[in-house]
Amino acid sequence: MAQDDKTDSKKDDGKKDDRTTDIYVNTRPAAWEGREISYADLLALAYPGETVSGEDTVTVRFSRGKDGNGAGSLTAGHSVNVKKGMVFDVVRTSRS
């Protein structure tokens, strides 16, 4: 029954899906609204309020994805569809 309601609302307004999806970023639970999440969004969730300098290297990997994209890596300027329980590992390393 609830599934039909979601399908109908998509058909009616034709707007972006704004359901909240529970994901994990660096082992911490997070709620994400929308169908996709970008590299920049994941940086903001992993390191809130921090800026990444040019000397930092950031690696974003994900697992438990959907649509045949079960696992992989994400680079700057790209995004991936989210799925409930999807896991993201965002690692920042700095040169010393």
Protein backbone atom coordinates (compact mmCIF):
# COMPACT_ATOMS: atom_id res chain seq x y z
CA MET A 1 0.00 0.00 0.00
CA ALA A 2 2.70 2.50 0.98
CA GLN A 3 4.67 1.61 -2.15
CA ASP A 4 1.72 2.66 -4.32
CA ASP A 5 1.52 6.01 -2.53
CA LYS A 6 5.18 6.78 -3.30
CA THR A 7 4.77 5.82 -6.92
CA ASP A 8 1.68 7.98 -7.27
CA SER A 9 3.36 11.03 -5.74
CA LYS A 10 6.23 10.72 -8.23
CA LYS A 11 3.80 10.62 -11.11
CA ASP A 12 1.73 13.53 -9.83
CA ASP A 13 4.37 16.17 -9.30
CA GLY A 14 7.23 14.90 -11.47
CA LYS A 15 9.70 16.47 -9.01
CA LYS A 16 12.86 15.11 -7.50
CA ASP A 17 12.40 12.31 -4.98
CA ASP A 18 13.03 13.86 -1.57
CA ARG A 19 12.67 10.80 0.63
CA THR A 20 15.14 10.43 3.46
CA THR A 21 17.54 7.52 3.14
CA ASP A 22 19.62 6.15 6.00
CA ILE A 23 23.26 5.78 5.00
CA TYR A 24 26.57 5.36 6.83
CA VAL A 25 29.49 7.74 6.41
CA ASN A 26 32.70 6.64 8.10
CA THR A 27 30.67 4.16 10.20
CA ARG A 28 28.36 6.91 11.50
CA PRO A 29 24.67 6.86 10.56
CA ALA A 30 23.40 9.79 8.50
CA ALA A 31 20.07 10.68 6.92
CA TRP A 32 20.20 11.86 3.31
CA GLU A 33 17.41 13.50 1.34
CA GLY A 34 17.43 12.88 -2.36
CA ARG A 35 18.21 10.12 -4.80
CA GLU A 36 21.88 10.97 -5.36
CA ILE A 37 24.79 12.05 -3.19
CA SER A 38 27.87 13.80 -4.52
CA TYR A 39 31.53 13.71 -3.63
CA ALA A 40 31.22 17.22 -2.12
CA ASP A 41 28.16 16.21 -0.07
CA LEU A 42 30.05 13.25 1.37
CA LEU A 43 33.01 15.47 2.27
CA ALA A 44 30.65 17.80 4.13
CA LEU A 45 29.08 14.87 6.02
CA ALA A 46 32.43 13.28 6.89
CA TYR A 47 34.23 16.48 7.88
CA PRO A 48 31.58 19.05 8.84
CA GLY A 49 32.85 22.63 8.99
CA GLU A 50 36.30 21.72 7.73
CA THR A 51 37.87 22.78 4.47
CA VAL A 52 40.04 20.56 2.37
CA SER A 53 43.26 22.21 1.27
CA GLY A 54 45.20 21.56 -1.90
CA GLU A 55 47.68 19.50 0.08
CA ASP A 56 44.99 17.07 1.18
CA THR A 57 44.01 13.97 -0.73
CA VAL A 58 40.49 12.63 -0.25
CA THR A 59 39.39 9.14 -1.20
CA VAL A 60 35.68 8.25 -1.28
CA ARG A 61 34.66 4.62 -1.56
CA PHE A 62 31.19 3.13 -1.29
CA SER A 63 29.61 -0.27 -0.92
CA ARG A 64 26.11 -1.75 -0.76
CA GLY A 65 24.95 0.48 -3.64
CA LYS A 66 22.20 -0.21 -6.14
CA ASP A 67 21.62 -0.59 -9.87
CA GLY A 68 24.71 -2.66 -10.45
CA ASN A 69 26.89 -0.08 -8.74
CA GLY A 70 27.29 -2.10 -5.58
CA ALA A 71 30.76 -0.87 -4.79
CA GLY A 72 33.21 1.59 -6.19
CA SER A 73 34.91 4.91 -5.72
CA LEU A 74 33.72 8.45 -6.26
CA THR A 75 35.78 11.33 -7.57
CA ALA A 76 35.29 15.10 -7.41
CA GLY A 77 32.38 16.32 -9.50
CA HIS A 78 30.59 12.97 -9.55
CA SER A 79 27.66 11.49 -7.66
CA VAL A 80 26.02 8.13 -7.07
CA ASN A 81 22.46 6.96 -6.43
CA VAL A 82 21.85 6.21 -2.77
CA LYS A 83 20.23 3.16 -1.23
CA LYS A 84 19.17 2.46 2.34
CA GLY A 85 22.12 1.10 4.30
CA MET A 86 24.71 2.20 1.75
CA VAL A 87 28.18 2.59 3.26
CA PHE A 88 30.63 5.39 2.41
CA ASP A 89 34.24 5.60 3.53
CA VAL A 90 35.69 9.08 3.20
CA VAL A 91 39.40 9.26 4.02
CA ARG A 92 41.41 12.45 4.00
CA THR A 93 45.18 12.33 4.11
CA SER A 94 47.53 15.28 4.35
CA ARG A 95 51.04 15.57 3.13
CA SER A 96 53.58 16.12 5.83
